[in-house]
Protein backbone atom coordinates (compact mmCIF):
# COMPACT_ATOMS: atom_id res chain seq x y z
CA MET A 1 -11.74 -43.27 45.06
CA SER A 2 -10.46 -43.66 41.50
CA GLU A 3 -7.11 -42.40 40.24
CA THR A 4 -8.97 -40.02 37.91
CA THR A 5 -10.82 -38.46 40.84
CA ILE A 6 -7.60 -38.13 42.86
CA GLY A 7 -5.86 -36.57 39.88
CA GLY A 8 -8.72 -34.12 39.46
CA ILE A 9 -8.55 -33.08 43.12
CA ALA A 10 -4.79 -32.63 42.88
CA GLY A 11 -5.22 -30.58 39.72
CA ARG A 12 -7.58 -28.18 41.50
CA MET A 13 -5.08 -27.54 44.29
CA PRO A 14 -3.15 -24.25 44.19
CA LYS A 15 0.05 -24.52 42.19
CA PHE A 16 2.33 -23.69 45.13
CA ILE A 17 0.83 -26.57 47.16
CA ARG A 18 1.31 -29.07 44.33
CA ARG A 19 4.95 -28.03 43.97
CA ALA A 20 5.73 -27.74 47.68
CA ASP A 21 8.03 -30.18 49.43
CA PRO A 22 5.91 -32.58 51.56
CA ALA A 23 8.34 -32.08 54.46
CA VAL A 24 7.85 -28.31 54.34
CA LEU A 25 4.06 -28.70 54.28
CA THR A 26 4.31 -31.15 57.19
CA ALA A 27 6.43 -28.68 59.18
CA PHE A 28 3.95 -25.84 58.64
CA ALA A 29 1.05 -28.16 59.51
CA CYS A 30 2.83 -29.03 62.77
CA ILE A 31 3.27 -25.31 63.49
CA VAL A 32 -0.48 -24.78 63.15
CA LEU A 33 -1.09 -27.79 65.39
CA LEU A 34 1.30 -26.51 68.06
CA LEU A 35 -0.34 -23.08 68.00
CA PHE A 36 -3.71 -24.74 68.47
CA LEU A 37 -2.50 -26.93 71.33
CA GLY A 38 -0.75 -23.99 72.95
CA SER A 39 -3.92 -21.91 72.80
CA LEU A 40 -5.77 -24.68 74.63
CA TYR A 41 -3.14 -24.70 77.36
CA SER A 42 -2.92 -20.91 77.76
CA ARG A 43 -5.08 -18.12 76.37
CA SER A 44 -2.08 -15.82 76.04
CA PHE A 45 -0.31 -18.25 73.68
CA LEU A 46 -1.79 -16.59 70.59
CA SER A 47 -1.47 -13.02 71.83
CA PRO A 48 0.56 -10.70 69.54
CA GLU A 49 3.00 -9.90 72.35
CA TYR A 50 3.74 -13.56 73.04
CA LEU A 51 4.09 -14.46 69.37
CA LEU A 52 6.39 -11.49 68.81
CA GLN A 53 8.58 -12.65 71.69
CA GLN A 54 8.72 -16.16 70.21
CA LEU A 55 9.68 -14.69 66.84
CA LYS A 56 12.56 -12.84 68.48
CA VAL A 57 13.75 -15.99 70.24
CA ALA A 58 13.45 -17.96 66.97
CA SER A 59 15.69 -15.45 65.22
CA PHE A 60 18.77 -16.47 67.24
CA LEU A 61 18.25 -20.12 66.32
CA GLY A 62 17.43 -19.07 62.74
CA VAL A 63 20.77 -17.33 62.26
CA ILE A 64 22.67 -20.37 63.58
CA ALA A 65 20.54 -22.87 61.62
CA THR A 66 21.23 -20.97 58.38
CA GLY A 67 24.91 -21.88 58.58
CA MET A 68 24.09 -25.42 59.68
CA MET A 69 21.83 -25.87 56.64
CA LEU A 70 24.61 -24.83 54.27
CA VAL A 71 26.92 -27.49 55.72
CA ILE A 72 24.23 -30.19 55.77
CA LEU A 73 23.43 -29.50 52.11
CA LEU A 74 27.01 -30.60 51.41
CA GLY A 75 26.35 -33.88 53.20
CA GLN A 76 28.51 -32.76 56.14
CA ILE A 77 27.82 -31.78 59.75
CA ASP A 78 29.14 -29.04 62.02
CA LEU A 79 29.43 -30.10 65.67
CA SER A 80 31.51 -27.07 66.63
CA VAL A 81 28.39 -24.88 66.89
CA PRO A 82 28.25 -24.78 70.73
CA TRP A 83 31.66 -23.21 71.22
CA SER A 84 31.56 -21.21 67.99
CA VAL A 85 28.55 -19.49 69.54
CA ALA A 86 30.31 -19.05 72.88
CA VAL A 87 33.59 -17.86 71.32
CA GLY A 88 31.79 -15.25 69.22
CA ALA A 89 29.95 -13.90 72.26
CA MET A 90 32.89 -14.03 74.66
CA MET A 91 35.45 -12.52 72.29
CA ALA A 92 33.11 -9.72 71.19
CA SER A 93 32.47 -8.83 74.83
CA ALA A 94 36.17 -9.12 75.72
CA VAL A 95 37.30 -6.81 72.92
CA ALA A 96 34.63 -4.28 73.90
CA ALA A 97 36.25 -3.95 77.33
CA SER A 98 39.49 -2.66 75.78
CA GLY A 99 38.19 0.85 75.03
CA PRO A 100 36.31 2.85 72.38
CA ALA A 101 38.15 1.16 69.49
CA GLY A 102 37.29 -2.21 70.97
CA VAL A 103 33.63 -1.27 71.23
CA ALA A 104 33.60 -0.45 67.51
CA LEU A 105 35.37 -3.69 66.60
CA ALA A 106 33.51 -5.97 69.03
CA ILE A 107 30.89 -7.39 66.66
CA PRO A 108 33.21 -7.84 63.63
CA PHE A 109 35.87 -9.46 65.83
CA GLY A 110 33.38 -11.89 67.35
CA ILE A 111 32.22 -12.93 63.87
CA PHE A 112 35.84 -13.19 62.68
CA CYS A 113 36.63 -15.66 65.48
CA GLY A 114 33.75 -17.85 64.32
CA VAL A 115 34.92 -17.64 60.71
CA ALA A 116 38.41 -18.70 61.84
CA ILE A 117 36.95 -21.78 63.54
CA GLY A 118 34.98 -22.52 60.38
CA ILE A 119 38.08 -22.22 58.19
CA VAL A 120 39.91 -24.73 60.39
CA ASN A 121 36.95 -27.08 60.01
CA GLY A 122 36.84 -26.49 56.26
CA ILE A 123 40.55 -27.15 55.79
CA GLY A 124 40.26 -30.36 57.78
CA VAL A 125 37.27 -31.62 55.77
CA ALA A 126 38.14 -30.34 52.30
CA TYR A 127 41.93 -30.63 52.16
CA LEU A 128 42.87 -33.15 54.84
CA ARG A 129 39.81 -35.33 54.15
CA ILE A 130 39.00 -35.72 57.85
CA PRO A 131 35.34 -36.68 58.45
CA SER A 132 33.40 -33.55 59.38
CA MET A 133 31.99 -35.17 62.51
CA ILE A 134 35.53 -35.76 63.83
CA ILE A 135 37.19 -32.47 62.92
CA THR A 136 34.31 -30.26 64.08
CA LEU A 137 34.03 -32.15 67.36
CA ALA A 138 37.77 -31.73 67.89
CA THR A 139 37.63 -28.03 67.00
CA ASN A 140 34.77 -27.59 69.43
CA ALA A 141 36.87 -29.18 72.20
CA VAL A 142 39.88 -26.98 71.38
CA ALA A 143 37.74 -23.83 71.39
CA GLN A 144 36.27 -24.86 74.72
CA GLY A 145 39.72 -25.39 76.19
CA LEU A 146 40.98 -22.02 74.94
CA MET A 147 38.01 -20.20 76.45
CA VAL A 148 38.42 -21.99 79.78
CA VAL A 149 42.08 -20.95 79.81
CA TYR A 150 41.11 -17.38 78.92
CA THR A 151 38.50 -17.08 81.69
CA GLY A 152 40.37 -19.19 84.24
CA GLY A 153 37.32 -21.43 84.47
CA PHE A 154 35.12 -18.65 85.80
CA SER A 155 32.13 -16.94 84.23
CA PRO A 156 33.19 -14.11 81.88
CA GLN A 157 32.92 -10.68 83.50
CA ASP A 158 32.81 -8.60 80.31
CA SER A 159 29.48 -7.10 79.25
CA ALA A 160 27.87 -6.75 75.83
CA THR A 161 28.10 -3.41 74.05
CA GLY A 162 25.18 -1.11 73.43
CA ALA A 163 25.27 -2.04 69.74
CA MET A 164 25.03 -5.75 70.58
CA ARG A 165 22.07 -5.11 72.86
CA TYR A 166 20.39 -2.93 70.23
CA LEU A 167 20.77 -5.58 67.52
CA ALA A 168 19.32 -8.26 69.79
CA THR A 169 16.54 -6.36 71.56
CA GLY A 170 15.92 -3.09 69.71
CA PHE A 171 13.31 -2.08 67.13
CA ALA A 172 14.64 -0.21 64.10
CA ILE A 173 11.26 -0.88 62.45
CA PRO A 174 8.34 -0.21 64.83
CA GLY A 175 6.86 -3.49 66.00
CA VAL A 176 9.53 -5.64 64.33
CA PRO A 177 12.41 -6.90 66.52
CA ASN A 178 15.86 -6.17 65.13
CA ALA A 179 16.81 -9.81 65.68
CA PHE A 180 14.05 -10.88 63.30
CA THR A 181 15.06 -8.25 60.75
CA ILE A 182 18.64 -9.55 60.84
CA TRP A 183 17.45 -13.13 60.41
CA ALA A 184 15.25 -12.08 57.48
CA LEU A 185 18.17 -10.32 55.78
CA ILE A 186 20.50 -13.28 56.32
CA GLY A 187 17.79 -15.65 55.09
CA ALA A 188 17.15 -13.57 51.96
CA ALA A 189 20.88 -13.54 51.23
CA MET A 190 21.06 -17.32 51.68
CA VAL A 191 18.08 -17.90 49.38
CA PHE A 192 19.75 -15.72 46.72
CA VAL A 193 23.05 -17.57 47.08
CA LEU A 194 21.48 -21.03 46.92
CA THR A 195 19.13 -20.32 44.01
CA ARG A 196 20.84 -17.66 41.91
CA THR A 197 24.59 -18.22 42.13
CA SER A 198 27.07 -20.78 40.88
CA PHE A 199 28.20 -21.30 44.48
CA GLY A 200 24.69 -22.40 45.46
CA ARG A 201 24.47 -24.80 42.53
CA ALA A 202 27.88 -26.17 43.50
CA VAL A 203 26.67 -26.79 47.07
CA TYR A 204 23.73 -28.86 45.83
CA GLY A 205 25.95 -30.63 43.32
CA ILE A 206 28.52 -31.61 45.93
CA GLY A 207 25.76 -32.78 48.26
CA ASN A 208 24.30 -35.02 45.57
CA ARG A 209 27.59 -36.50 44.37
CA GLU A 210 30.90 -34.86 45.20
CA ARG A 211 32.96 -36.78 42.65
CA ALA A 212 30.60 -35.88 39.81
CA ALA A 213 30.73 -32.22 40.89
CA TYR A 214 34.53 -32.35 40.88
CA LEU A 215 34.65 -33.92 37.43
CA SER A 216 32.31 -31.21 36.13
CA GLY A 217 34.92 -28.57 36.99
CA ILE A 218 33.72 -27.39 40.41
CA ASP A 219 36.45 -26.54 42.92
CA THR A 220 34.83 -28.72 45.57
CA ARG A 221 37.46 -28.08 48.23
CA ARG A 222 37.05 -24.31 48.03
CA VAL A 223 33.25 -24.59 48.19
CA VAL A 224 33.39 -26.86 51.24
CA MET A 225 35.84 -24.58 53.05
CA ILE A 226 33.71 -21.49 52.35
CA ALA A 227 30.58 -23.27 53.56
CA PHE A 228 32.21 -24.19 56.87
CA ALA A 229 33.58 -20.64 57.24
CA VAL A 230 30.08 -19.23 56.73
CA SER A 231 28.67 -21.70 59.25
CA GLY A 232 31.27 -20.69 61.83
CA GLY A 233 30.68 -16.99 61.19
CA LEU A 234 26.90 -17.29 61.51
CA SER A 235 27.23 -19.36 64.69
CA ALA A 236 29.49 -16.68 66.17
CA PHE A 237 27.09 -13.95 65.05
CA GLY A 238 24.29 -15.86 66.75
CA GLY A 239 26.43 -15.84 69.89
CA VAL A 240 26.95 -12.07 69.57
CA LEU A 241 23.17 -11.60 69.37
CA LEU A 242 22.61 -13.90 72.34
CA ALA A 243 25.18 -11.94 74.37
CA GLY A 244 23.33 -8.75 73.48
CA TYR A 245 20.03 -10.35 74.47
CA ALA A 246 21.41 -11.45 77.86
CA SER A 247 23.74 -8.40 78.20
CA LYS A 248 26.74 -10.70 78.70
CA ALA A 249 28.33 -13.90 77.45
CA ALA A 250 28.37 -17.27 79.19
CA GLN A 251 30.59 -20.30 78.70
CA SER A 252 27.77 -22.77 78.06
CA MET A 253 25.48 -20.47 76.09
CA GLY A 254 25.93 -22.40 72.84
CA ASP A 255 25.24 -25.88 74.22
CA ALA A 256 21.48 -25.49 73.82
CA TYR A 257 21.74 -24.75 70.09
CA LEU A 258 23.49 -27.76 68.57
CA LEU A 259 20.66 -30.30 68.45
CA PRO A 260 17.91 -27.69 67.82
CA SER A 261 19.84 -26.26 64.85
CA ILE A 262 20.23 -29.72 63.31
CA ALA A 263 16.63 -30.62 64.12
CA ALA A 264 15.33 -27.40 62.58
CA VAL A 265 17.16 -28.09 59.33
CA VAL A 266 16.07 -31.72 58.97
CA LEU A 267 12.52 -30.92 60.10
CA GLY A 268 12.27 -28.60 57.12
CA GLY A 269 13.07 -31.41 54.71
CA THR A 270 16.79 -30.85 54.12
CA SER A 271 18.36 -34.26 53.61
CA ILE A 272 20.95 -35.06 56.25
CA LEU A 273 22.83 -36.81 53.45
CA GLY A 274 23.04 -33.58 51.45
CA GLY A 275 21.92 -32.34 48.06
CA ARG A 276 18.28 -31.61 48.83
CA GLY A 277 16.49 -28.94 50.82
CA SER A 278 15.03 -25.43 50.73
CA TYR A 279 15.51 -22.48 53.04
CA LEU A 280 11.74 -22.14 53.48
CA GLY A 281 11.82 -25.55 55.11
CA THR A 282 14.54 -24.39 57.51
CA VAL A 283 12.43 -21.35 58.44
CA ALA A 284 9.50 -23.66 59.18
CA GLY A 285 11.77 -25.96 61.19
CA VAL A 286 13.15 -23.08 63.27
CA ILE A 287 9.66 -21.78 64.10
CA LEU A 288 8.46 -25.30 64.89
CA ILE A 289 11.40 -26.00 67.22
CA THR A 290 10.91 -22.63 68.96
CA LEU A 291 7.21 -23.27 69.55
CA LEU A 292 7.99 -26.78 70.76
CA GLN A 293 10.58 -25.39 73.18
CA SER A 294 8.04 -22.86 74.43
CA ILE A 295 5.38 -25.48 75.07
CA LEU A 296 7.87 -27.82 76.77
CA SER A 297 9.04 -24.92 78.93
CA VAL A 298 5.47 -24.08 79.94
CA MET A 299 4.97 -27.77 80.77
CA GLN A 300 8.21 -27.60 82.83
CA MET A 301 9.78 -30.40 80.81
CA PRO A 302 13.34 -31.01 82.10
CA GLU A 303 16.28 -30.40 79.73
CA ALA A 304 16.93 -34.14 79.45
CA GLY A 305 13.42 -34.66 78.12
CA ARG A 306 13.86 -31.90 75.56
CA GLN A 307 17.09 -33.42 74.27
CA ILE A 308 15.35 -36.79 73.93
CA ILE A 309 12.57 -35.18 71.89
CA TYR A 310 15.09 -33.44 69.59
CA GLY A 311 16.91 -36.72 69.04
CA VAL A 312 13.67 -38.56 68.24
CA VAL A 313 12.71 -35.80 65.80
CA ILE A 314 16.04 -36.06 63.96
CA VAL A 315 15.81 -39.86 63.71
CA ALA A 316 12.18 -39.73 62.55
CA MET A 317 12.89 -37.14 59.84
CA LEU A 318 15.97 -39.08 58.74
CA LEU A 319 13.81 -42.18 58.29
CA LEU A 320 11.17 -40.22 56.39
CA TYR A 321 13.23 -37.95 54.15
CA GLY A 322 16.93 -38.66 54.67
CA ARG A 323 17.45 -42.12 53.26
CA ALA A 324 19.65 -42.34 50.20
CA PRO A 325 18.09 -43.41 46.92
CA ALA A 326 19.08 -46.87 45.77
CA SER A 327 21.00 -45.45 42.79
CA ARG A 328 23.13 -43.11 44.84
């Protein structure tokens, strides 16, 4: 086939397809493939009830992955997600047990605890110049230790509030889970921030070349600290929603969200080295990971096998889309 013919075919394609990121198109194509394979395995896989349930489950990962994407766009990583999730859930439930005032403050306090963890991470990365992998891993260990001390090593006994359960399992809009509505609102806000604000442009600039962004007048340290604070807050909020979904918090509830949140972001085409990526790709990655988890669960794949698959996915996408250009 000649180049002229290929060019003509490409020219007849819809404009949004020609402009779309190949990684995003690949992610959506994989979603269609998984839906097809799932329908072959079980007839109920494509039922509205099942898909709605999967959308609700995806929303928890989507909220957490939103913060992870912001950090990865900077060329950083946040490994404190597991215990940011757990701290948000456990502290929200603990405050709720203190009385009516605690019930009202439960959700904001849980999110605040996550933001505090994120600020510590941000200060370490932006001001102390500690590699993000090291400081976030250390913060995760400290948060784990504090929660073990708080609970005495036992499972938390505090329960989620009615508001937490309503946000996670209710339906403010008939037929649309509240968890999905929350994810959609957070996603819309993130798209606006990344595409319409100077902060969003600064995030992409720092991810592409931090020194150039600094020399152009961007307060890179403040941007990095805010990004980590947002990531911590969204991880904690995801934990609050998970506590509402399960009606209580658990010490290890965030462990299952670290690799999937990273995998969802890189699956959607966001460069692990920073500076490139779209939120639509993250949405596709979240849905893809959720469907993959569902199929693996139906196949009774052990947790070790799932973690291997997530790791392979991250490495494969890094090889495809995450390598640095030669001029960088």
